[in-house]
Amino acid sequence: MKMSSFITKTLVSLTLGFGIVSGMSAANAASIVPQLEGEVETTNLTPGCVDATKCIDTTSYGYKVTSLDFDGTGGYGQSRLFVDKKGTNNTYSGAGLSIQFGANDIGTNSHVDEYWFRPVAILENGTLPENGELEVGLFEFNFDNILSEITLSFLDVEDIATKILEVNGAAYNYQLPAGANNAVQTVTLKDVKSFKVHLGNGNSSRFTTGDGVLLQGNVSVPEPTAVLGLGTLAVAGVVGLRQRKKTSQAV
């Protein structure tokens, strides 16, 4: 792992895990999306991941994800959630499923080298609509501590249905408007302990294949000098590594 990636993950983990507020010193935005491809291990699906060798445990990032049924009985089941990056090919096989992501998606594409949460819709009978390329699902994100602010980014909302249903267990019901192909819409939430979000439209009247949507989330991460105020030795070590790296680059 590159040192910059290690530092970023550590600071994100501290921000989520210890509830560091964005107002501490100068802050930078960091994604809650793990910067590696794989399937997010949810709290309730069995097995936790289709392919156990490509499973991402988000507890080290300070949050957990639960997959929920979004259309009642007789249609879709609980979706699975992946982290995907455009420009790569990935196959996830196991639990009676074979999910393949090509370097380019049929209809929902981010910029190259960007990591996004990518839902995969599954029917109750266990089959995969659009061969696993229908990005629809309902998920609840629960954080270890309250986040002062998080900005959610939604990619490719072309039909109505994508919405933030709840924040901190209370009804929110903000529905994103239909937008242009592969456009990004953002919503900023404050003082967040949890949120429930519905991505995409599996029963779209506009698109026979449904409307798939990807998700990102960015939080404010304090500068290392601010984190030192926590008095955590592990953090001090990370800051020291970063400072040594800067020194070596300057020589």
C-alpha atoms as a PDB file:
ATOM      1  CA  MET A   1       0.000   0.000   0.000  1.00  0.00           C
ATOM      2  CA  LYS A   2       1.312   3.457  -0.884  1.00  0.00           C
ATOM      3  CA  MET A   3       2.127   5.689   2.097  1.00  0.00           C
ATOM      4  CA  SER A   4      -0.359   8.358   0.984  1.00  0.00           C
ATOM      5  CA  SER A   5      -3.104   5.742   0.809  1.00  0.00           C
ATOM      6  CA  PHE A   6      -2.158   4.433   4.261  1.00  0.00           C
ATOM      7  CA  ILE A   7      -2.280   7.929   5.754  1.00  0.00           C
ATOM      8  CA  THR A   8      -5.608   8.722   4.098  1.00  0.00           C
ATOM      9  CA  LYS A   9      -7.214   5.519   5.345  1.00  0.00           C
ATOM     10  CA  THR A  10      -5.884   6.119   8.853  1.00  0.00           C
ATOM     11  CA  LEU A  11      -7.227   9.664   8.975  1.00  0.00           C
ATOM     12  CA  VAL A  12     -10.585   8.613   7.544  1.00  0.00           C
ATOM     13  CA  SER A  13     -10.803   5.858  10.151  1.00  0.00           C
ATOM     14  CA  LEU A  14     -10.018   8.348  12.926  1.00  0.00           C
ATOM     15  CA  THR A  15     -12.521  10.850  11.585  1.00  0.00           C
ATOM     16  CA  LEU A  16     -15.297   8.261  11.525  1.00  0.00           C
ATOM     17  CA  GLY A  17     -14.185   6.282  14.552  1.00  0.00           C
ATOM     18  CA  PHE A  18     -13.532   9.162  16.950  1.00  0.00           C
ATOM     19  CA  GLY A  19     -16.032  11.668  15.570  1.00  0.00           C
ATOM     20  CA  ILE A  20     -13.446  14.339  14.740  1.00  0.00           C
ATOM     21  CA  VAL A  21     -15.303  17.433  13.578  1.00  0.00           C
ATOM     22  CA  SER A  22     -14.563  19.096  10.270  1.00  0.00           C
ATOM     23  CA  GLY A  23     -13.965  22.453  11.965  1.00  0.00           C
ATOM     24  CA  MET A  24     -10.649  21.339  13.439  1.00  0.00           C
ATOM     25  CA  SER A  25      -7.940  23.278  11.658  1.00  0.00           C
ATOM     26  CA  ALA A  26      -7.780  23.106   7.862  1.00  0.00           C
ATOM     27  CA  ALA A  27      -9.561  20.036   6.543  1.00  0.00           C
ATOM     28  CA  ASN A  28      -9.507  18.008   3.350  1.00  0.00           C
ATOM     29  CA  ALA A  29     -12.259  15.869   1.879  1.00  0.00           C
ATOM     30  CA  ALA A  30     -11.709  12.125   1.938  1.00  0.00           C
ATOM     31  CA  SER A  31     -13.953   9.427   0.552  1.00  0.00           C
ATOM     32  CA  ILE A  32     -15.614   6.829   2.750  1.00  0.00           C
ATOM     33  CA  VAL A  33     -15.448   4.529  -0.272  1.00  0.00           C
ATOM     34  CA  PRO A  34     -12.575   2.084   0.321  1.00  0.00           C
ATOM     35  CA  GLN A  35      -9.864   2.638  -2.273  1.00  0.00           C
ATOM     36  CA  LEU A  36      -9.813  -0.964  -3.432  1.00  0.00           C
ATOM     37  CA  GLU A  37     -12.208  -3.068  -5.444  1.00  0.00           C
ATOM     38  CA  GLY A  38     -14.288  -5.801  -3.862  1.00  0.00           C
ATOM     39  CA  GLU A  39     -17.623  -6.493  -2.212  1.00  0.00           C
ATOM     40  CA  VAL A  40     -18.687  -4.641   0.920  1.00  0.00           C
ATOM     41  CA  GLU A  41     -19.486  -7.120   3.681  1.00  0.00           C
ATOM     42  CA  THR A  42     -22.965  -6.199   4.898  1.00  0.00           C
ATOM     43  CA  THR A  43     -24.331  -6.879   8.364  1.00  0.00           C
ATOM     44  CA  ASN A  44     -27.196  -9.106   7.240  1.00  0.00           C
ATOM     45  CA  LEU A  45     -26.541 -10.986   3.980  1.00  0.00           C
ATOM     46  CA  THR A  46     -25.500 -14.640   4.017  1.00  0.00           C
ATOM     47  CA  PRO A  47     -22.853 -15.260   2.956  1.00  0.00           C
ATOM     48  CA  GLY A  48     -21.386 -11.869   3.768  1.00  0.00           C
ATOM     49  CA  CYS A  49     -19.706 -11.733   0.354  1.00  0.00           C
ATOM     50  CA  VAL A  50     -20.152 -13.676  -2.871  1.00  0.00           C
ATOM     51  CA  ASP A  51     -16.394 -14.282  -3.034  1.00  0.00           C
ATOM     52  CA  ALA A  52     -14.817 -14.429   0.425  1.00  0.00           C
ATOM     53  CA  THR A  53     -11.394 -13.620  -1.043  1.00  0.00           C
ATOM     54  CA  LYS A  54     -12.658 -10.245  -2.297  1.00  0.00           C
ATOM     55  CA  CYS A  55     -14.537  -9.096   0.798  1.00  0.00           C
ATOM     56  CA  ILE A  56     -14.199  -5.571   2.262  1.00  0.00           C
ATOM     57  CA  ASP A  57     -14.789  -5.118   5.993  1.00  0.00           C
ATOM     58  CA  THR A  58     -15.793  -1.476   6.510  1.00  0.00           C
ATOM     59  CA  THR A  59     -15.659  -1.625  10.309  1.00  0.00           C
ATOM     60  CA  SER A  60     -12.036  -0.488  10.105  1.00  0.00           C
ATOM     61  CA  TYR A  61     -13.339   2.633   8.346  1.00  0.00           C
ATOM     62  CA  GLY A  62     -15.758   3.365  11.171  1.00  0.00           C
ATOM     63  CA  TYR A  63     -19.066   2.288   9.664  1.00  0.00           C
ATOM     64  CA  LYS A  64     -21.240  -0.687   8.745  1.00  0.00           C
ATOM     65  CA  VAL A  65     -23.667  -1.246   5.885  1.00  0.00           C
ATOM     66  CA  THR A  66     -26.986  -3.117   5.909  1.00  0.00           C
ATOM     67  CA  SER A  67     -28.793  -4.168   2.715  1.00  0.00           C
ATOM     68  CA  LEU A  68     -32.586  -3.793   2.773  1.00  0.00           C
ATOM     69  CA  ASP A  69     -35.489  -4.971   0.620  1.00  0.00           C
ATOM     70  CA  PHE A  70     -36.830  -2.049  -1.390  1.00  0.00           C
ATOM     71  CA  ASP A  71     -39.942  -3.337  -3.176  1.00  0.00           C
ATOM     72  CA  GLY A  72     -41.681  -5.819  -0.899  1.00  0.00           C
ATOM     73  CA  THR A  73     -42.508  -9.430  -1.677  1.00  0.00           C
ATOM     74  CA  GLY A  74     -42.367 -10.921  -5.147  1.00  0.00           C
ATOM     75  CA  GLY A  75     -39.833  -8.746  -6.913  1.00  0.00           C
ATOM     76  CA  TYR A  76     -36.313  -7.796  -5.966  1.00  0.00           C
ATOM     77  CA  GLY A  77     -34.438  -9.191  -3.015  1.00  0.00           C
ATOM     78  CA  GLN A  78     -31.699  -7.514  -1.015  1.00  0.00           C
ATOM     79  CA  SER A  79     -28.986  -6.085  -3.245  1.00  0.00           C
ATOM     80  CA  ARG A  80     -25.276  -6.609  -2.807  1.00  0.00           C
ATOM     81  CA  LEU A  81     -22.877  -3.672  -2.633  1.00  0.00           C
ATOM     82  CA  PHE A  82     -19.473  -3.497  -4.284  1.00  0.00           C
ATOM     83  CA  VAL A  83     -16.642  -1.017  -4.686  1.00  0.00           C
ATOM     84  CA  ASP A  84     -15.814  -0.668  -8.357  1.00  0.00           C
ATOM     85  CA  LYS A  85     -13.420   1.359 -10.469  1.00  0.00           C
ATOM     86  CA  LYS A  86     -13.905   2.070 -14.149  1.00  0.00           C
ATOM     87  CA  GLY A  87     -11.262   0.628 -16.449  1.00  0.00           C
ATOM     88  CA  THR A  88     -10.873  -2.750 -14.727  1.00  0.00           C
ATOM     89  CA  ASN A  89     -12.487  -6.158 -15.208  1.00  0.00           C
ATOM     90  CA  ASN A  90     -13.703  -8.023 -12.134  1.00  0.00           C
ATOM     91  CA  THR A  91     -15.476 -11.325 -11.551  1.00  0.00           C
ATOM     92  CA  TYR A  92     -17.143 -12.369  -8.296  1.00  0.00           C
ATOM     93  CA  SER A  93     -18.200 -16.011  -8.155  1.00  0.00           C
ATOM     94  CA  GLY A  94     -19.785 -17.930  -5.304  1.00  0.00           C
ATOM     95  CA  ALA A  95     -23.052 -18.489  -3.437  1.00  0.00           C
ATOM     96  CA  GLY A  96     -24.645 -19.575  -6.705  1.00  0.00           C
ATOM     97  CA  LEU A  97     -23.850 -16.249  -8.374  1.00  0.00           C
ATOM     98  CA  SER A  98     -21.370 -15.068 -10.972  1.00  0.00           C
ATOM     99  CA  ILE A  99     -21.122 -11.282 -11.194  1.00  0.00           C
ATOM    100  CA  GLN A 100     -18.902  -9.714 -13.834  1.00  0.00           C
ATOM    101  CA  PHE A 101     -17.967  -6.058 -14.144  1.00  0.00           C
ATOM    102  CA  GLY A 102     -16.365  -5.045 -17.422  1.00  0.00           C
ATOM    103  CA  ALA A 103     -13.913  -2.208 -17.882  1.00  0.00           C
ATOM    104  CA  ASN A 104     -16.861  -0.177 -19.154  1.00  0.00           C
ATOM    105  CA  ASP A 105     -20.469  -0.551 -18.077  1.00  0.00           C
ATOM    106  CA  ILE A 106     -23.364  -0.671 -20.509  1.00  0.00           C
ATOM    107  CA  GLY A 107     -24.931   2.508 -19.167  1.00  0.00           C
ATOM    108  CA  THR A 108     -23.425   3.787 -15.884  1.00  0.00           C
ATOM    109  CA  ASN A 109     -19.838   4.993 -16.128  1.00  0.00           C
ATOM    110  CA  SER A 110     -17.666   7.112 -13.860  1.00  0.00           C
ATOM    111  CA  HIS A 111     -14.326   8.680 -14.694  1.00  0.00           C
ATOM    112  CA  VAL A 112     -11.387   6.303 -14.984  1.00  0.00           C
ATOM    113  CA  ASP A 113      -9.685   5.372 -11.685  1.00  0.00           C
ATOM    114  CA  GLU A 114     -12.528   6.629  -9.479  1.00  0.00           C
ATOM    115  CA  TYR A 115     -13.858   4.290  -6.801  1.00  0.00           C
ATOM    116  CA  TRP A 116     -17.640   4.184  -6.331  1.00  0.00           C
ATOM    117  CA  PHE A 117     -20.109   2.110  -4.358  1.00  0.00           C
ATOM    118  CA  ARG A 118     -21.849  -0.062  -6.934  1.00  0.00           C
ATOM    119  CA  PRO A 119     -25.050  -1.916  -5.996  1.00  0.00           C
ATOM    120  CA  VAL A 120     -26.071  -5.114  -7.746  1.00  0.00           C
ATOM    121  CA  ALA A 121     -29.787  -5.885  -7.883  1.00  0.00           C
ATOM    122  CA  ILE A 122     -30.853  -9.489  -7.312  1.00  0.00           C
ATOM    123  CA  LEU A 123     -34.344 -10.901  -7.810  1.00  0.00           C
ATOM    124  CA  GLU A 124     -35.935 -12.898  -5.013  1.00  0.00           C
ATOM    125  CA  ASN A 125     -35.496 -16.049  -7.101  1.00  0.00           C
ATOM    126  CA  GLY A 126     -31.739 -15.463  -7.056  1.00  0.00           C
ATOM    127  CA  THR A 127     -31.269 -14.358 -10.659  1.00  0.00           C
ATOM    128  CA  LEU A 128     -29.359 -11.264 -11.735  1.00  0.00           C
ATOM    129  CA  PRO A 129     -31.201  -8.652 -13.831  1.00  0.00           C
ATOM    130  CA  GLU A 130     -29.055  -7.354 -16.680  1.00  0.00           C
ATOM    131  CA  ASN A 131     -26.447 -10.012 -15.824  1.00  0.00           C
ATOM    132  CA  GLY A 132     -25.524  -8.172 -12.650  1.00  0.00           C
ATOM    133  CA  GLU A 133     -25.253  -4.739 -14.249  1.00  0.00           C
ATOM    134  CA  LEU A 134     -28.403  -3.204 -12.762  1.00  0.00           C
ATOM    135  CA  GLU A 135     -27.122  -0.835 -10.077  1.00  0.00           C
ATOM    136  CA  VAL A 136     -30.129  -0.665  -7.783  1.00  0.00           C
ATOM    137  CA  GLY A 137     -30.437  -1.195  -4.040  1.00  0.00           C
ATOM    138  CA  LEU A 138     -31.477   0.122  -0.636  1.00  0.00           C
ATOM    139  CA  PHE A 139     -28.764   0.462   1.994  1.00  0.00           C
ATOM    140  CA  GLU A 140     -28.387   1.785   5.508  1.00  0.00           C
ATOM    141  CA  PHE A 141     -25.023   3.207   6.575  1.00  0.00           C
ATOM    142  CA  ASN A 142     -24.353   3.305  10.325  1.00  0.00           C
ATOM    143  CA  PHE A 143     -21.318   5.195  11.642  1.00  0.00           C
ATOM    144  CA  ASP A 144     -19.505   4.611  14.912  1.00  0.00           C
ATOM    145  CA  ASN A 145     -19.805   8.294  15.788  1.00  0.00           C
ATOM    146  CA  ILE A 146     -21.633  11.351  14.544  1.00  0.00           C
ATOM    147  CA  LEU A 147     -20.147  12.971  11.432  1.00  0.00           C
ATOM    148  CA  SER A 148     -20.356  16.735  11.434  1.00  0.00           C
ATOM    149  CA  GLU A 149     -20.795  16.706   7.665  1.00  0.00           C
ATOM    150  CA  ILE A 150     -20.883  14.238   4.783  1.00  0.00           C
ATOM    151  CA  THR A 151     -21.423  14.972   1.100  1.00  0.00           C
ATOM    152  CA  LEU A 152     -23.062  12.207  -0.909  1.00  0.00           C
ATOM    153  CA  SER A 153     -22.464  12.061  -4.657  1.00  0.00           C
ATOM    154  CA  PHE A 154     -24.855  10.225  -6.969  1.00  0.00           C
ATOM    155  CA  LEU A 155     -23.727   9.218 -10.456  1.00  0.00           C
ATOM    156  CA  ASP A 156     -26.110   8.816 -13.393  1.00  0.00           C
ATOM    157  CA  VAL A 157     -29.522   9.538 -11.877  1.00  0.00           C
ATOM    158  CA  GLU A 158     -31.621   9.623 -15.044  1.00  0.00           C
ATOM    159  CA  ASP A 159     -34.988   8.624 -13.596  1.00  0.00           C
ATOM    160  CA  ILE A 160     -36.812   9.396 -10.360  1.00  0.00           C
ATOM    161  CA  ALA A 161     -36.543   6.849  -7.516  1.00  0.00           C
ATOM    162  CA  THR A 162     -33.090   7.570  -6.082  1.00  0.00           C
ATOM    163  CA  LYS A 163     -33.601   9.182  -2.691  1.00  0.00           C
ATOM    164  CA  ILE A 164     -32.286   9.630   0.832  1.00  0.00           C
ATOM    165  CA  LEU A 165     -35.042   8.035   2.903  1.00  0.00           C
ATOM    166  CA  GLU A 166     -33.789   8.565   6.442  1.00  0.00           C
ATOM    167  CA  VAL A 167     -31.106  10.410   8.384  1.00  0.00           C
ATOM    168  CA  ASN A 168     -30.415   9.342  11.966  1.00  0.00           C
ATOM    169  CA  GLY A 169     -33.511   7.144  11.915  1.00  0.00           C
ATOM    170  CA  ALA A 170     -35.865  10.017  11.078  1.00  0.00           C
ATOM    171  CA  ALA A 171     -37.713  10.445   7.788  1.00  0.00           C
ATOM    172  CA  TYR A 172     -35.823  12.637   5.307  1.00  0.00           C
ATOM    173  CA  ASN A 173     -37.335  11.655   1.952  1.00  0.00           C
ATOM    174  CA  TYR A 174     -35.221  13.773  -0.356  1.00  0.00           C
ATOM    175  CA  GLN A 175     -35.683  12.526  -3.909  1.00  0.00           C
ATOM    176  CA  LEU A 176     -33.048  13.395  -6.472  1.00  0.00           C
ATOM    177  CA  PRO A 177     -34.366  14.778  -9.761  1.00  0.00           C
ATOM    178  CA  ALA A 178     -33.735  13.026 -13.048  1.00  0.00           C
ATOM    179  CA  GLY A 179     -30.572  14.370 -14.652  1.00  0.00           C
ATOM    180  CA  ALA A 180     -28.302  13.929 -17.643  1.00  0.00           C
ATOM    181  CA  ASN A 181     -26.503  10.720 -18.557  1.00  0.00           C
ATOM    182  CA  ASN A 182     -23.501  10.073 -16.262  1.00  0.00           C
ATOM    183  CA  ALA A 183     -23.992  13.411 -14.475  1.00  0.00           C
ATOM    184  CA  VAL A 184     -23.158  13.713 -10.764  1.00  0.00           C
ATOM    185  CA  GLN A 185     -25.538  15.198  -8.196  1.00  0.00           C
ATOM    186  CA  THR A 186     -24.487  15.958  -4.613  1.00  0.00           C
ATOM    187  CA  VAL A 187     -26.320  16.282  -1.312  1.00  0.00           C
ATOM    188  CA  THR A 188     -24.659  17.451   1.925  1.00  0.00           C
ATOM    189  CA  LEU A 189     -25.902  16.155   5.280  1.00  0.00           C
ATOM    190  CA  LYS A 190     -24.872  17.425   8.716  1.00  0.00           C
ATOM    191  CA  ASP A 191     -24.563  15.727  12.109  1.00  0.00           C
ATOM    192  CA  VAL A 192     -24.997  12.257  10.668  1.00  0.00           C
ATOM    193  CA  LYS A 193     -24.939   9.023  12.658  1.00  0.00           C
ATOM    194  CA  SER A 194     -26.755   7.000  10.012  1.00  0.00           C
ATOM    195  CA  PHE A 195     -28.536   7.381   6.706  1.00  0.00           C
ATOM    196  CA  LYS A 196     -30.701   5.178   4.526  1.00  0.00           C
ATOM    197  CA  VAL A 197     -30.394   5.602   0.770  1.00  0.00           C
ATOM    198  CA  HIS A 198     -32.195   4.093  -2.200  1.00  0.00           C
ATOM    199  CA  LEU A 199     -30.079   3.918  -5.349  1.00  0.00           C
ATOM    200  CA  GLY A 200     -31.503   3.580  -8.847  1.00  0.00           C
ATOM    201  CA  ASN A 201     -34.837   2.450 -10.247  1.00  0.00           C
ATOM    202  CA  GLY A 202     -35.463  -1.216 -10.956  1.00  0.00           C
ATOM    203  CA  ASN A 203     -38.933  -0.552 -12.375  1.00  0.00           C
ATOM    204  CA  SER A 204     -38.210   2.444 -14.562  1.00  0.00           C
ATOM    205  CA  SER A 205     -40.839   3.605 -17.037  1.00  0.00           C
ATOM    206  CA  ARG A 206     -38.115   5.360 -19.028  1.00  0.00           C
ATOM    207  CA  PHE A 207     -35.632   2.522 -19.377  1.00  0.00           C
ATOM    208  CA  THR A 208     -36.592  -1.109 -19.935  1.00  0.00           C
ATOM    209  CA  THR A 209     -33.280  -2.131 -18.358  1.00  0.00           C
ATOM    210  CA  GLY A 210     -33.839   0.024 -15.267  1.00  0.00           C
ATOM    211  CA  ASP A 211     -31.864   3.062 -14.114  1.00  0.00           C
ATOM    212  CA  GLY A 212     -28.610   2.257 -12.330  1.00  0.00           C
ATOM    213  CA  VAL A 213     -26.927   4.684  -9.922  1.00  0.00           C
ATOM    214  CA  LEU A 214     -23.530   4.728  -8.168  1.00  0.00           C
ATOM    215  CA  LEU A 215     -22.691   6.383  -4.832  1.00  0.00           C
ATOM    216  CA  GLN A 216     -19.756   8.140  -3.179  1.00  0.00           C
ATOM    217  CA  GLY A 217     -19.464   9.825   0.207  1.00  0.00           C
ATOM    218  CA  ASN A 218     -16.916  12.430   1.281  1.00  0.00           C
ATOM    219  CA  VAL A 219     -16.155  13.588   4.811  1.00  0.00           C
ATOM    220  CA  SER A 220     -13.797  16.256   6.102  1.00  0.00           C
ATOM    221  CA  VAL A 221     -10.480  14.911   7.365  1.00  0.00           C
ATOM    222  CA  PRO A 222      -8.339  17.166   9.598  1.00  0.00           C
ATOM    223  CA  GLU A 223      -4.712  17.890   8.874  1.00  0.00           C
ATOM    224  CA  PRO A 224      -2.235  15.647  10.735  1.00  0.00           C
ATOM    225  CA  THR A 225      -1.241  18.522  13.050  1.00  0.00           C
ATOM    226  CA  ALA A 226      -4.834  18.710  14.274  1.00  0.00           C
ATOM    227  CA  VAL A 227      -5.010  14.965  14.784  1.00  0.00           C
ATOM    228  CA  LEU A 228      -1.928  15.160  17.025  1.00  0.00           C
ATOM    229  CA  GLY A 229      -4.127  16.912  19.565  1.00  0.00           C
ATOM    230  CA  LEU A 230      -5.723  13.528  20.245  1.00  0.00           C
ATOM    231  CA  GLY A 231      -2.506  12.358  21.844  1.00  0.00           C
ATOM    232  CA  THR A 232      -2.710   9.047  19.991  1.00  0.00           C
ATOM    233  CA  LEU A 233       0.679   7.420  19.463  1.00  0.00           C
ATOM    234  CA  ALA A 234      -0.483   5.642  16.332  1.00  0.00           C
ATOM    235  CA  VAL A 235      -1.488   8.937  14.803  1.00  0.00           C
ATOM    236  CA  ALA A 236       1.813  10.500  15.789  1.00  0.00           C
ATOM    237  CA  GLY A 237       3.569   7.689  13.968  1.00  0.00           C
ATOM    238  CA  VAL A 238       1.550   8.310  10.823  1.00  0.00           C
ATOM    239  CA  VAL A 239       2.327  12.025  10.946  1.00  0.00           C
ATOM    240  CA  GLY A 240       6.000  11.254  11.411  1.00  0.00           C
ATOM    241  CA  LEU A 241       6.000   9.000   8.378  1.00  0.00           C
ATOM    242  CA  ARG A 242       4.317  11.689   6.331  1.00  0.00           C
ATOM    243  CA  GLN A 243       6.828  14.316   7.467  1.00  0.00           C
ATOM    244  CA  ARG A 244       9.774  12.025   6.661  1.00  0.00           C
ATOM    245  CA  LYS A 245       8.319  11.394   3.242  1.00  0.00           C
ATOM    246  CA  LYS A 246       8.100  15.146   2.590  1.00  0.00           C
ATOM    247  CA  THR A 247      11.684  15.593   3.779  1.00  0.00           C
ATOM    248  CA  SER A 248      13.024  12.857   1.526  1.00  0.00           C
ATOM    249  CA  GLN A 249      11.202  14.326  -1.462  1.00  0.00           C
ATOM    250  CA  ALA A 250      12.703  17.747  -0.781  1.00  0.00           C
ATOM    251  CA  VAL A 251      16.304  16.447  -0.741  1.00  0.00           C
END
